[in-house]
Protein backbone atom coordinates (compact mmCIF):
# COMPACT_ATOMS: atom_id res chain seq x y z
CA UNK A 1 -17.70 1.17 -18.97
CA UNK A 2 -14.47 1.45 -16.88
CA UNK A 3 -13.77 3.68 -13.96
CA UNK A 4 -10.26 5.11 -13.39
CA UNK A 5 -8.43 3.25 -10.67
CA UNK A 6 -10.44 0.07 -10.58
CA UNK A 7 -9.96 -3.47 -11.43
CA UNK A 8 -12.96 -5.29 -12.77
CA UNK A 9 -14.17 -8.34 -14.70
CA UNK A 10 -16.75 -8.19 -17.40
CA UNK A 11 -18.77 -11.43 -17.86
CA UNK A 12 -20.35 -12.69 -21.05
CA UNK A 13 -23.57 -10.90 -20.08
CA UNK A 14 -21.71 -7.58 -19.75
CA UNK A 15 -22.18 -7.33 -16.03
CA UNK A 16 -19.54 -5.54 -13.95
CA UNK A 17 -18.03 -6.98 -10.82
CA UNK A 18 -15.83 -4.59 -8.86
CA UNK A 19 -12.87 -6.47 -7.43
CA UNK A 20 -10.78 -3.78 -5.80
CA UNK A 21 -9.40 -0.31 -6.01
CA UNK A 22 -6.16 -0.55 -7.80
CA UNK A 23 -4.60 2.52 -6.10
CA UNK A 24 -4.92 0.86 -2.75
CA UNK A 25 -4.14 -2.72 -3.16
CA UNK A 26 -2.23 -3.55 -6.37
CA UNK A 27 -0.21 -0.52 -6.91
CA UNK A 28 3.58 -0.33 -6.80
CA UNK A 29 3.75 3.28 -7.90
CA UNK A 30 3.32 6.54 -6.11
CA UNK A 31 2.25 9.59 -8.06
CA UNK A 32 3.45 12.60 -6.23
CA UNK A 33 2.45 15.85 -7.92
CA UNK A 34 2.51 14.30 -11.36
CA UNK A 35 5.88 12.61 -10.84
CA UNK A 36 6.16 8.75 -10.84
CA UNK A 37 7.93 7.31 -7.83
CA UNK A 38 8.64 3.55 -7.45
CA UNK A 39 8.71 2.67 -3.70
CA UNK A 40 11.39 -0.13 -4.42
CA UNK A 41 13.83 2.51 -5.61
CA UNK A 42 13.52 4.52 -2.42
CA UNK A 43 13.59 1.24 -0.31
CA UNK A 44 16.85 0.13 -1.95
CA UNK A 45 18.44 3.45 -0.89
CA UNK A 46 17.19 3.15 2.57
CA UNK A 47 18.49 -0.33 2.91
CA UNK A 48 22.09 0.94 2.18
CA UNK A 49 21.91 3.05 5.38
CA UNK A 50 23.86 1.35 8.24
CA UNK A 51 20.99 1.81 10.73
CA UNK A 52 18.16 0.48 8.61
CA UNK A 53 16.99 -3.14 9.18
CA UNK A 54 13.76 -3.04 7.33
CA UNK A 55 11.99 -0.38 5.25
CA UNK A 56 8.65 -0.06 3.48
CA UNK A 57 7.86 2.90 1.22
CA UNK A 58 4.30 3.88 0.17
CA UNK A 59 1.99 6.69 -0.73
CA UNK A 60 -0.36 8.48 1.71
CA UNK A 61 -3.05 10.89 0.65
CA UNK A 62 -2.03 14.56 0.19
CA UNK A 63 -4.48 17.39 -0.57
CA UNK A 64 -2.35 19.23 -3.09
CA UNK A 65 -0.03 16.57 -4.47
CA UNK A 66 -2.33 13.63 -4.71
CA UNK A 67 0.06 11.41 -2.71
CA UNK A 68 3.06 12.11 -0.43
CA UNK A 69 5.89 9.66 0.01
CA UNK A 70 6.03 7.94 3.41
CA UNK A 71 8.39 5.35 4.94
CA UNK A 72 8.12 2.96 7.78
CA UNK A 73 11.53 1.98 9.14
CA UNK A 74 12.70 -0.76 11.55
CA UNK A 75 16.24 0.05 12.90
CA UNK A 76 18.86 -2.55 13.49
CA UNK A 77 19.29 -3.48 17.22
CA UNK A 78 21.34 -0.91 19.02
CA UNK A 79 21.32 1.43 15.89
CA UNK A 80 20.21 5.09 16.07
CA UNK A 81 18.95 7.31 13.41
CA UNK A 82 16.47 10.27 13.17
CA UNK A 83 13.85 10.75 10.55
CA UNK A 84 15.62 13.96 9.39
CA UNK A 85 18.82 12.00 8.99
CA UNK A 86 17.31 9.24 6.95
CA UNK A 87 15.32 11.85 4.79
CA UNK A 88 18.59 13.69 4.10
CA UNK A 89 20.39 10.47 3.21
CA UNK A 90 17.77 9.44 0.72
CA UNK A 91 17.50 12.93 -0.66
CA UNK A 92 21.23 12.98 -1.44
CA UNK A 93 20.89 9.95 -3.65
CA UNK A 94 17.64 10.40 -5.49
CA UNK A 95 15.77 13.03 -7.42
CA UNK A 96 14.35 15.78 -5.05
CA UNK A 97 10.77 14.67 -5.49
CA UNK A 98 11.48 11.08 -4.39
CA UNK A 99 12.58 11.17 -0.91
CA UNK A 100 10.11 10.45 1.89
CA UNK A 101 8.67 13.48 3.69
CA UNK A 102 7.07 11.33 6.31
CA UNK A 103 9.24 8.81 8.10
CA UNK A 104 7.96 6.79 11.01
CA UNK A 105 9.82 4.21 13.11
CA UNK A 106 8.39 0.77 14.13
CA UNK A 107 9.61 -2.27 16.16
CA UNK A 108 8.50 -4.39 13.28
CA UNK A 109 6.48 -4.30 10.06
CA UNK A 110 3.36 -6.29 9.34
CA UNK A 111 3.97 -9.29 7.10
CA UNK A 112 2.03 -11.81 5.06
CA UNK A 113 2.48 -15.48 5.84
CA UNK A 114 5.08 -15.60 3.18
CA UNK A 115 7.02 -13.00 5.00
CA UNK A 116 6.42 -10.12 2.49
CA UNK A 117 5.74 -6.68 4.03
CA UNK A 118 2.05 -5.86 4.07
CA UNK A 119 2.23 -2.17 3.21
CA UNK A 120 -1.58 -1.62 3.37
CA UNK A 121 -1.64 -2.59 6.96
CA UNK A 122 0.99 0.04 7.97
CA UNK A 123 -0.69 3.08 9.76
CA UNK A 124 0.87 6.49 9.73
CA UNK A 125 -0.57 8.63 12.49
CA UNK A 126 -0.05 12.39 12.10
């Protein structure tokens, strides 16, 4: 038996071992109201903005849409930008359902030992 959104391994004795929830750890896809949004596509647009040093785009729970698009941004030293400005910038370059509605600024983003941004460790406080 398989459960939607889980990663599992079946052994020779047909036992089930739950490894993790795929929608929280291994997913590089946000599903917003039935539309697929790839975080990398939105991040690439954000990186073209003059003020953005680092960006991480990910999904956060939403009651009606399933997930909402959020972004955590680190600005370049001395640069200034508002969440509204960055939202409009991305909105002008991607489909209307793809731009982040929630944008938060940080001094730095959590990273793995290899230097990759650890998105699941980013907290968005409302």
